[in-house]
Amino acid sequence: VSKRHCTITTHAASSAAHGVPAAPSVVFEDCSSYGSTVSGRKV
């Protein structure tokens, strides 16, 4: 694992019915020397 291998950026959830939040967008960024795999995809 690299010293700073990757980042995950989350965004604010929006309210759905009865105030329960719906899934917001989230972004993965690879910052490593050898890469990462996301659900079988090389990043």
All heavy atoms as atom14 arrays in JSON, in Angstrom:
{
  "sequence": "VSKRHCTITTHAASSAAHGVPAAPSVVFEDCSSYGSTVSGRKV",
  "atom14_mask": [
    [1, 1, 1, 1, 1, 1, 1, 0, 0, 0, 0, 0, 0, 0],
    [1, 1, 1, 1, 1, 1, 0, 0, 0, 0, 0, 0, 0, 0],
    [1, 1, 1, 1, 1, 1, 1, 1, 1, 0, 0, 0, 0, 0],
    [1, 1, 1, 1, 1, 1, 1, 1, 1, 1, 1, 0, 0, 0],
    [1, 1, 1, 1, 1, 1, 1, 1, 1, 1, 0, 0, 0, 0],
    [1, 1, 1, 1, 1, 1, 0, 0, 0, 0, 0, 0, 0, 0],
    [1, 1, 1, 1, 1, 1, 1, 0, 0, 0, 0, 0, 0, 0],
    [1, 1, 1, 1, 1, 1, 1, 1, 0, 0, 0, 0, 0, 0],
    [1, 1, 1, 1, 1, 1, 1, 0, 0, 0, 0, 0, 0, 0],
    [1, 1, 1, 1, 1, 1, 1, 0, 0, 0, 0, 0, 0, 0],
    [1, 1, 1, 1, 1, 1, 1, 1, 1, 1, 0, 0, 0, 0],
    [1, 1, 1, 1, 1, 0, 0, 0, 0, 0, 0, 0, 0, 0],
    [1, 1, 1, 1, 1, 0, 0, 0, 0, 0, 0, 0, 0, 0],
    [1, 1, 1, 1, 1, 1, 0, 0, 0, 0, 0, 0, 0, 0],
    [1, 1, 1, 1, 1, 1, 0, 0, 0, 0, 0, 0, 0, 0],
    [1, 1, 1, 1, 1, 0, 0, 0, 0, 0, 0, 0, 0, 0],
    [1, 1, 1, 1, 1, 0, 0, 0, 0, 0, 0, 0, 0, 0],
    [1, 1, 1, 1, 1, 1, 1, 1, 1, 1, 0, 0, 0, 0],
    [1, 1, 1, 1, 0, 0, 0, 0, 0, 0, 0, 0, 0, 0],
    [1, 1, 1, 1, 1, 1, 1, 0, 0, 0, 0, 0, 0, 0],
    [1, 1, 1, 1, 1, 1, 1, 0, 0, 0, 0, 0, 0, 0],
    [1, 1, 1, 1, 1, 0, 0, 0, 0, 0, 0, 0, 0, 0],
    [1, 1, 1, 1, 1, 0, 0, 0, 0, 0, 0, 0, 0, 0],
    [1, 1, 1, 1, 1, 1, 1, 0, 0, 0, 0, 0, 0, 0],
    [1, 1, 1, 1, 1, 1, 0, 0, 0, 0, 0, 0, 0, 0],
    [1, 1, 1, 1, 1, 1, 1, 0, 0, 0, 0, 0, 0, 0],
    [1, 1, 1, 1, 1, 1, 1, 0, 0, 0, 0, 0, 0, 0],
    [1, 1, 1, 1, 1, 1, 1, 1, 1, 1, 1, 0, 0, 0],
    [1, 1, 1, 1, 1, 1, 1, 1, 1, 0, 0, 0, 0, 0],
    [1, 1, 1, 1, 1, 1, 1, 1, 0, 0, 0, 0, 0, 0],
    [1, 1, 1, 1, 1, 1, 0, 0, 0, 0, 0, 0, 0, 0],
    [1, 1, 1, 1, 1, 1, 0, 0, 0, 0, 0, 0, 0, 0],
    [1, 1, 1, 1, 1, 1, 0, 0, 0, 0, 0, 0, 0, 0],
    [1, 1, 1, 1, 1, 1, 1, 1, 1, 1, 1, 1, 0, 0],
    [1, 1, 1, 1, 0, 0, 0, 0, 0, 0, 0, 0, 0, 0],
    [1, 1, 1, 1, 1, 1, 0, 0, 0, 0, 0, 0, 0, 0],
    [1, 1, 1, 1, 1, 1, 1, 0, 0, 0, 0, 0, 0, 0],
    [1, 1, 1, 1, 1, 1, 1, 0, 0, 0, 0, 0, 0, 0],
    [1, 1, 1, 1, 1, 1, 0, 0, 0, 0, 0, 0, 0, 0],
    [1, 1, 1, 1, 0, 0, 0, 0, 0, 0, 0, 0, 0, 0],
    [1, 1, 1, 1, 1, 1, 1, 1, 1, 1, 1, 0, 0, 0],
    [1, 1, 1, 1, 1, 1, 1, 1, 1, 0, 0, 0, 0, 0],
    [1, 1, 1, 1, 1, 1, 1, 0, 0, 0, 0, 0, 0, 0]
  ],
  "atom14_positions": [
    [[0.86, -1.18, 0.0], [0.0, 0.0, 0.0], [0.89, 1.23, 0.0], [1.82, 1.35, 0.82], [-0.92, 0.0, 1.23], [-1.72, 1.3, 1.29], [-1.86, -1.19, 1.19], [0.0, 0.0, 0.0], [0.0, 0.0, 0.0], [0.0, 0.0, 0.0], [0.0, 0.0, 0.0], [0.0, 0.0, 0.0], [0.0, 0.0, 0.0], [0.0, 0.0, 0.0]],
    [[0.65, 2.17, -0.91], [1.44, 3.39, -0.98], [1.17, 4.27, 0.24], [0.16, 4.12, 0.93], [1.1, 4.16, -2.25], [1.42, 3.41, -3.4], [0.0, 0.0, 0.0], [0.0, 0.0, 0.0], [0.0, 0.0, 0.0], [0.0, 0.0, 0.0], [0.0, 0.0, 0.0], [0.0, 0.0, 0.0], [0.0, 0.0, 0.0], [0.0, 0.0, 0.0]],
    [[2.09, 5.21, 0.5], [1.91, 6.11, 1.64], [0.58, 6.84, 1.55], [-0.12, 6.99, 2.54], [3.07, 7.1, 1.7], [4.4, 6.48, 2.09], [5.49, 7.53, 2.19], [6.82, 6.89, 2.6], [7.9, 7.91, 2.71], [0.0, 0.0, 0.0], [0.0, 0.0, 0.0], [0.0, 0.0, 0.0], [0.0, 0.0, 0.0], [0.0, 0.0, 0.0]],
    [[0.26, 7.33, 0.37], [-1.07, 7.9, 0.1], [-1.6, 7.14, -1.11], [-1.36, 7.51, -2.25], [-0.97, 9.39, -0.17], [-2.3, 10.08, -0.46], [-2.08, 11.53, -0.84], [-3.26, 12.15, -1.4], [-4.16, 12.85, -0.72], [-3.98, 13.02, 0.56], [-5.18, 13.39, -1.32], [0.0, 0.0, 0.0], [0.0, 0.0, 0.0], [0.0, 0.0, 0.0]],
    [[-2.31, 6.07, -0.85], [-2.67, 5.15, -1.93], [-3.86, 5.63, -2.75], [-3.84, 5.59, -3.98], [-2.98, 3.77, -1.35], [-3.0, 2.69, -2.39], [-1.92, 1.86, -2.64], [-3.97, 2.32, -3.27], [-2.22, 1.03, -3.63], [-3.46, 1.28, -4.02], [0.0, 0.0, 0.0], [0.0, 0.0, 0.0], [0.0, 0.0, 0.0], [0.0, 0.0, 0.0]],
    [[-4.91, 6.09, -2.07], [-6.1, 6.5, -2.81], [-6.95, 7.41, -1.93], [-6.68, 7.6, -0.74], [-6.92, 5.27, -3.24], [-7.5, 4.25, -1.86], [0.0, 0.0, 0.0], [0.0, 0.0, 0.0], [0.0, 0.0, 0.0], [0.0, 0.0, 0.0], [0.0, 0.0, 0.0], [0.0, 0.0, 0.0], [0.0, 0.0, 0.0], [0.0, 0.0, 0.0]],
    [[-7.97, 7.99, -2.54], [-8.92, 8.83, -1.8], [-10.34, 8.42, -2.18], [-10.6, 7.91, -3.27], [-8.74, 10.32, -2.11], [-9.05, 10.57, -3.49], [-7.31, 10.76, -1.83], [0.0, 0.0, 0.0], [0.0, 0.0, 0.0], [0.0, 0.0, 0.0], [0.0, 0.0, 0.0], [0.0, 0.0, 0.0], [0.0, 0.0, 0.0], [0.0, 0.0, 0.0]],
    [[-11.25, 8.65, -1.25], [-12.68, 8.48, -1.5], [-13.36, 9.78, -1.13], [-13.26, 10.24, 0.01], [-13.27, 7.31, -0.68], [-12.65, 5.99, -1.13], [-14.78, 7.26, -0.83], [-13.12, 4.79, -0.32], [0.0, 0.0, 0.0], [0.0, 0.0, 0.0], [0.0, 0.0, 0.0], [0.0, 0.0, 0.0], [0.0, 0.0, 0.0], [0.0, 0.0, 0.0]],
    [[-14.02, 10.4, -2.09], [-14.7, 11.67, -1.86], [-16.2, 11.44, -1.81], [-16.79, 10.95, -2.77], [-14.36, 12.69, -2.96], [-12.94, 12.91, -2.99], [-15.07, 14.01, -2.71], [0.0, 0.0, 0.0], [0.0, 0.0, 0.0], [0.0, 0.0, 0.0], [0.0, 0.0, 0.0], [0.0, 0.0, 0.0], [0.0, 0.0, 0.0], [0.0, 0.0, 0.0]],
    [[-16.79, 11.77, -0.67], [-18.24, 11.63, -0.51], [-18.91, 12.99, -0.67], [-18.3, 14.04, -0.42], [-18.59, 11.06, 0.88], [-18.11, 11.97, 1.89], [-17.94, 9.71, 1.08], [0.0, 0.0, 0.0], [0.0, 0.0, 0.0], [0.0, 0.0, 0.0], [0.0, 0.0, 0.0], [0.0, 0.0, 0.0], [0.0, 0.0, 0.0], [0.0, 0.0, 0.0]],
    [[-20.16, 12.98, -1.08], [-20.94, 14.2, -1.22], [-22.15, 14.12, -0.29], [-22.52, 13.05, 0.19], [-21.38, 14.39, -2.67], [-20.24, 14.61, -3.61], [-19.48, 13.57, -4.11], [-19.68, 15.75, -4.11], [-18.53, 14.05, -4.9], [-18.63, 15.37, -4.9], [0.0, 0.0, 0.0], [0.0, 0.0, 0.0], [0.0, 0.0, 0.0], [0.0, 0.0, 0.0]],
    [[-22.76, 15.26, -0.04], [-23.87, 15.32, 0.9], [-25.05, 14.51, 0.38], [-25.4, 14.56, -0.8], [-24.28, 16.77, 1.14], [0.0, 0.0, 0.0], [0.0, 0.0, 0.0], [0.0, 0.0, 0.0], [0.0, 0.0, 0.0], [0.0, 0.0, 0.0], [0.0, 0.0, 0.0], [0.0, 0.0, 0.0], [0.0, 0.0, 0.0], [0.0, 0.0, 0.0]],
    [[-25.66, 13.76, 1.29], [-26.84, 12.97, 0.94], [-28.06, 13.88, 0.89], [-28.19, 14.82, 1.69], [-27.05, 11.87, 1.97], [0.0, 0.0, 0.0], [0.0, 0.0, 0.0], [0.0, 0.0, 0.0], [0.0, 0.0, 0.0], [0.0, 0.0, 0.0], [0.0, 0.0, 0.0], [0.0, 0.0, 0.0], [0.0, 0.0, 0.0], [0.0, 0.0, 0.0]],
    [[-28.95, 13.61, -0.04], [-30.19, 14.36, -0.13], [-31.3, 13.61, 0.59], [-31.29, 12.38, 0.63], [-30.58, 14.57, -1.59], [-30.72, 13.33, -2.26], [0.0, 0.0, 0.0], [0.0, 0.0, 0.0], [0.0, 0.0, 0.0], [0.0, 0.0, 0.0], [0.0, 0.0, 0.0], [0.0, 0.0, 0.0], [0.0, 0.0, 0.0], [0.0, 0.0, 0.0]],
    [[-32.24, 14.33, 1.16], [-33.31, 13.7, 1.91], [-34.32, 13.05, 0.99], [-34.67, 13.6, -0.06], [-34.01, 14.72, 2.8], [-33.13, 15.2, 3.79], [0.0, 0.0, 0.0], [0.0, 0.0, 0.0], [0.0, 0.0, 0.0], [0.0, 0.0, 0.0], [0.0, 0.0, 0.0], [0.0, 0.0, 0.0], [0.0, 0.0, 0.0], [0.0, 0.0, 0.0]],
    [[-34.77, 11.88, 1.38], [-35.81, 11.18, 0.63], [-37.07, 11.16, 1.49], [-37.23, 11.96, 2.41], [-35.35, 9.76, 0.29], [0.0, 0.0, 0.0], [0.0, 0.0, 0.0], [0.0, 0.0, 0.0], [0.0, 0.0, 0.0], [0.0, 0.0, 0.0], [0.0, 0.0, 0.0], [0.0, 0.0, 0.0], [0.0, 0.0, 0.0], [0.0, 0.0, 0.0]],
    [[-37.96, 10.23, 1.23], [-39.2, 10.14, 1.99], [-38.92, 9.95, 3.46], [-38.01, 9.21, 3.85], [-40.05, 8.99, 1.46], [0.0, 0.0, 0.0], [0.0, 0.0, 0.0], [0.0, 0.0, 0.0], [0.0, 0.0, 0.0], [0.0, 0.0, 0.0], [0.0, 0.0, 0.0], [0.0, 0.0, 0.0], [0.0, 0.0, 0.0], [0.0, 0.0, 0.0]],
    [[-39.67, 10.63, 4.31], [-39.57, 10.54, 5.76], [-38.2, 10.98, 6.27], [-37.82, 10.64, 7.38], [-39.85, 9.11, 6.24], [-41.18, 8.59, 5.78], [-42.37, 9.04, 6.29], [-41.5, 7.66, 4.85], [-43.37, 8.41, 5.7], [-42.88, 7.57, 4.82], [0.0, 0.0, 0.0], [0.0, 0.0, 0.0], [0.0, 0.0, 0.0], [0.0, 0.0, 0.0]],
    [[-37.45, 11.74, 5.45], [-36.17, 12.25, 5.9], [-35.02, 11.28, 5.83], [-33.9, 11.62, 6.17], [0.0, 0.0, 0.0], [0.0, 0.0, 0.0], [0.0, 0.0, 0.0], [0.0, 0.0, 0.0], [0.0, 0.0, 0.0], [0.0, 0.0, 0.0], [0.0, 0.0, 0.0], [0.0, 0.0, 0.0], [0.0, 0.0, 0.0], [0.0, 0.0, 0.0]],
    [[-35.24, 10.06, 5.4], [-34.16, 9.08, 5.29], [-33.32, 9.42, 4.06], [-33.85, 9.52, 2.96], [-34.72, 7.64, 5.17], [-33.58, 6.65, 5.03], [-35.55, 7.31, 6.39], [0.0, 0.0, 0.0], [0.0, 0.0, 0.0], [0.0, 0.0, 0.0], [0.0, 0.0, 0.0], [0.0, 0.0, 0.0], [0.0, 0.0, 0.0], [0.0, 0.0, 0.0]],
    [[-32.02, 9.65, 4.22], [-31.21, 10.1, 3.1], [-31.04, 9.07, 2.0], [-30.89, 7.88, 2.27], [-29.86, 10.43, 3.75], [-29.83, 9.61, 4.99], [-31.24, 9.52, 5.46], [0.0, 0.0, 0.0], [0.0, 0.0, 0.0], [0.0, 0.0, 0.0], [0.0, 0.0, 0.0], [0.0, 0.0, 0.0], [0.0, 0.0, 0.0], [0.0, 0.0, 0.0]],
    [[-31.08, 9.56, 0.76], [-30.81, 8.69, -0.39], [-29.3, 8.65, -0.63], [-28.56, 9.53, -0.19], [-31.53, 9.24, -1.62], [0.0, 0.0, 0.0], [0.0, 0.0, 0.0], [0.0, 0.0, 0.0], [0.0, 0.0, 0.0], [0.0, 0.0, 0.0], [0.0, 0.0, 0.0], [0.0, 0.0, 0.0], [0.0, 0.0, 0.0], [0.0, 0.0, 0.0]],
    [[-28.83, 7.64, -1.32], [-27.39, 7.46, -1.54], [-26.84, 8.61, -2.39], [-27.33, 8.87, -3.48], [-27.12, 6.13, -2.22], [0.0, 0.0, 0.0], [0.0, 0.0, 0.0], [0.0, 0.0, 0.0], [0.0, 0.0, 0.0], [0.0, 0.0, 0.0], [0.0, 0.0, 0.0], [0.0, 0.0, 0.0], [0.0, 0.0, 0.0], [0.0, 0.0, 0.0]],
    [[-25.83, 9.32, -1.89], [-25.2, 10.39, -2.66], [-24.1, 9.84, -3.56], [-23.74, 8.66, -3.48], [-24.61, 11.28, -1.57], [-24.22, 10.3, -0.51], [-25.25, 9.19, -0.55], [0.0, 0.0, 0.0], [0.0, 0.0, 0.0], [0.0, 0.0, 0.0], [0.0, 0.0, 0.0], [0.0, 0.0, 0.0], [0.0, 0.0, 0.0], [0.0, 0.0, 0.0]],
    [[-23.55, 10.7, -4.38], [-22.45, 10.27, -5.25], [-21.16, 10.15, -4.43], [-20.98, 10.83, -3.42], [-22.25, 11.27, -6.39], [-21.95, 12.56, -5.88], [0.0, 0.0, 0.0], [0.0, 0.0, 0.0], [0.0, 0.0, 0.0], [0.0, 0.0, 0.0], [0.0, 0.0, 0.0], [0.0, 0.0, 0.0], [0.0, 0.0, 0.0], [0.0, 0.0, 0.0]],
    [[-20.29, 9.28, -4.89], [-18.99, 9.08, -4.23], [-17.97, 8.76, -5.32], [-18.27, 8.04, -6.27], [-19.08, 7.96, -3.16], [-19.53, 6.64, -3.78], [-17.75, 7.77, -2.46], [0.0, 0.0, 0.0], [0.0, 0.0, 0.0], [0.0, 0.0, 0.0], [0.0, 0.0, 0.0], [0.0, 0.0, 0.0], [0.0, 0.0, 0.0], [0.0, 0.0, 0.0]],
    [[-16.77, 9.32, -5.17], [-15.74, 9.2, -6.21], [-14.46, 8.62, -5.62], [-14.02, 9.03, -4.54], [-15.44, 10.58, -6.84], [-14.32, 10.47, -7.87], [-16.69, 11.16, -7.5], [0.0, 0.0, 0.0], [0.0, 0.0, 0.0], [0.0, 0.0, 0.0], [0.0, 0.0, 0.0], [0.0, 0.0, 0.0], [0.0, 0.0, 0.0], [0.0, 0.0, 0.0]],
    [[-13.88, 7.67, -6.34], [-12.62, 7.03, -5.95], [-11.5, 7.58, -6.83], [-11.67, 7.74, -8.05], [-12.72, 5.52, -6.14], [-11.44, 4.77, -5.88], [-11.12, 4.34, -4.61], [-10.57, 4.48, -6.93], [-9.95, 3.64, -4.37], [-9.39, 3.79, -6.7], [-9.08, 3.36, -5.41], [0.0, 0.0, 0.0], [0.0, 0.0, 0.0], [0.0, 0.0, 0.0]],
    [[-10.36, 7.88, -6.23], [-9.18, 8.32, -6.99], [-7.96, 7.53, -6.56], [-7.65, 7.47, -5.36], [-8.91, 9.81, -6.79], [-7.7, 10.3, -7.57], [-7.41, 11.77, -7.41], [-8.09, 12.43, -6.58], [-6.5, 12.28, -8.09], [0.0, 0.0, 0.0], [0.0, 0.0, 0.0], [0.0, 0.0, 0.0], [0.0, 0.0, 0.0], [0.0, 0.0, 0.0]],
    [[-7.28, 6.94, -7.52], [-6.06, 6.19, -7.23], [-4.87, 7.15, -7.31], [-4.72, 7.89, -8.28], [-5.88, 5.04, -8.21], [-4.59, 4.29, -7.96], [-4.56, 3.45, -7.06], [-3.6, 4.59, -8.67], [0.0, 0.0, 0.0], [0.0, 0.0, 0.0], [0.0, 0.0, 0.0], [0.0, 0.0, 0.0], [0.0, 0.0, 0.0], [0.0, 0.0, 0.0]],
    [[-4.03, 7.12, -6.28], [-2.83, 7.98, -6.25], [-1.57, 7.15, -6.09], [-0.5, 7.68, -5.78], [-2.93, 8.95, -5.07], [-4.5, 9.81, -4.87], [0.0, 0.0, 0.0], [0.0, 0.0, 0.0], [0.0, 0.0, 0.0], [0.0, 0.0, 0.0], [0.0, 0.0, 0.0], [0.0, 0.0, 0.0], [0.0, 0.0, 0.0], [0.0, 0.0, 0.0]],
    [[-1.66, 5.85, -6.3], [-0.57, 4.93, -5.96], [0.39, 4.68, -7.12], [0.17, 5.12, -8.25], [-1.17, 3.59, -5.52], [-1.78, 2.94, -6.62], [0.0, 0.0, 0.0], [0.0, 0.0, 0.0], [0.0, 0.0, 0.0], [0.0, 0.0, 0.0], [0.0, 0.0, 0.0], [0.0, 0.0, 0.0], [0.0, 0.0, 0.0], [0.0, 0.0, 0.0]],
    [[1.44, 3.94, -6.81], [2.44, 3.59, -7.83], [1.99, 2.43, -8.7], [2.33, 2.36, -9.89], [3.77, 3.23, -7.16], [4.25, 4.3, -6.38], [0.0, 0.0, 0.0], [0.0, 0.0, 0.0], [0.0, 0.0, 0.0], [0.0, 0.0, 0.0], [0.0, 0.0, 0.0], [0.0, 0.0, 0.0], [0.0, 0.0, 0.0], [0.0, 0.0, 0.0]],
    [[1.21, 1.51, -8.13], [0.86, 0.29, -8.86], [-0.62, 0.15, -9.18], [-1.03, -0.81, -9.81], [1.34, -0.94, -8.07], [2.83, -0.92, -7.82], [3.34, -0.61, -6.57], [3.74, -1.19, -8.85], [4.71, -0.59, -6.33], [5.11, -1.16, -8.62], [5.59, -0.86, -7.37], [6.94, -0.83, -7.14], [0.0, 0.0, 0.0], [0.0, 0.0, 0.0]],
    [[-1.42, 1.08, -8.72], [-2.83, 1.06, -9.08], [-3.71, 0.28, -8.11], [-3.24, -0.35, -7.16], [0.0, 0.0, 0.0], [0.0, 0.0, 0.0], [0.0, 0.0, 0.0], [0.0, 0.0, 0.0], [0.0, 0.0, 0.0], [0.0, 0.0, 0.0], [0.0, 0.0, 0.0], [0.0, 0.0, 0.0], [0.0, 0.0, 0.0], [0.0, 0.0, 0.0]],
    [[-5.0, 0.33, -8.38], [-6.01, -0.35, -7.56], [-7.0, -1.04, -8.49], [-6.99, -0.83, -9.71], [-6.76, 0.67, -6.68], [-5.87, 1.45, -5.92], [0.0, 0.0, 0.0], [0.0, 0.0, 0.0], [0.0, 0.0, 0.0], [0.0, 0.0, 0.0], [0.0, 0.0, 0.0], [0.0, 0.0, 0.0], [0.0, 0.0, 0.0], [0.0, 0.0, 0.0]],
    [[-7.83, -1.86, -7.91], [-8.89, -2.53, -8.66], [-10.22, -2.2, -8.02], [-10.39, -2.33, -6.81], [-8.68, -4.05, -8.68], [-7.39, -4.35, -9.24], [-9.76, -4.74, -9.51], [0.0, 0.0, 0.0], [0.0, 0.0, 0.0], [0.0, 0.0, 0.0], [0.0, 0.0, 0.0], [0.0, 0.0, 0.0], [0.0, 0.0, 0.0], [0.0, 0.0, 0.0]],
    [[-11.17, -1.75, -8.84], [-12.51, -1.41, -8.37], [-13.5, -2.34, -9.06], [-13.75, -2.21, -10.26], [-12.86, 0.06, -8.66], [-14.28, 0.37, -8.2], [-11.86, 0.99, -7.97], [0.0, 0.0, 0.0], [0.0, 0.0, 0.0], [0.0, 0.0, 0.0], [0.0, 0.0, 0.0], [0.0, 0.0, 0.0], [0.0, 0.0, 0.0], [0.0, 0.0, 0.0]],
    [[-14.02, -3.29, -8.3], [-14.98, -4.27, -8.83], [-14.48, -4.88, -10.14], [-15.21, -4.98, -11.13], [-16.35, -3.62, -9.02], [-16.91, -3.28, -7.77], [0.0, 0.0, 0.0], [0.0, 0.0, 0.0], [0.0, 0.0, 0.0], [0.0, 0.0, 0.0], [0.0, 0.0, 0.0], [0.0, 0.0, 0.0], [0.0, 0.0, 0.0], [0.0, 0.0, 0.0]],
    [[-13.2, -5.28, -10.14], [-12.63, -5.95, -11.3], [-12.01, -5.03, -12.34], [-11.36, -5.5, -13.27], [0.0, 0.0, 0.0], [0.0, 0.0, 0.0], [0.0, 0.0, 0.0], [0.0, 0.0, 0.0], [0.0, 0.0, 0.0], [0.0, 0.0, 0.0], [0.0, 0.0, 0.0], [0.0, 0.0, 0.0], [0.0, 0.0, 0.0], [0.0, 0.0, 0.0]],
    [[-12.18, -3.72, -12.2], [-11.63, -2.76, -13.16], [-10.34, -2.17, -12.61], [-10.3, -1.73, -11.48], [-12.62, -1.63, -13.44], [-13.95, -2.07, -14.06], [-14.94, -0.93, -14.0], [-15.3, -0.62, -12.61], [-15.88, 0.51, -12.24], [-16.13, 1.46, -13.13], [-16.19, 0.7, -10.96], [0.0, 0.0, 0.0], [0.0, 0.0, 0.0], [0.0, 0.0, 0.0]],
    [[-9.3, -2.14, -13.45], [-8.03, -1.56, -13.04], [-8.12, -0.04, -13.09], [-8.58, 0.54, -14.08], [-6.91, -2.03, -13.98], [-5.52, -1.58, -13.57], [-5.04, -2.29, -12.32], [-3.58, -1.97, -12.01], [-3.08, -2.66, -10.81], [0.0, 0.0, 0.0], [0.0, 0.0, 0.0], [0.0, 0.0, 0.0], [0.0, 0.0, 0.0], [0.0, 0.0, 0.0]],
    [[-7.72, 0.61, -12.0], [-7.72, 2.07, -11.92], [-6.33, 2.5, -11.46], [-5.87, 2.1, -10.39], [-8.79, 2.59, -10.93], [-8.74, 4.12, -10.86], [-10.17, 2.11, -11.31], [0.0, 0.0, 0.0], [0.0, 0.0, 0.0], [0.0, 0.0, 0.0], [0.0, 0.0, 0.0], [0.0, 0.0, 0.0], [0.0, 0.0, 0.0], [0.0, 0.0, 0.0]]
  ]
}
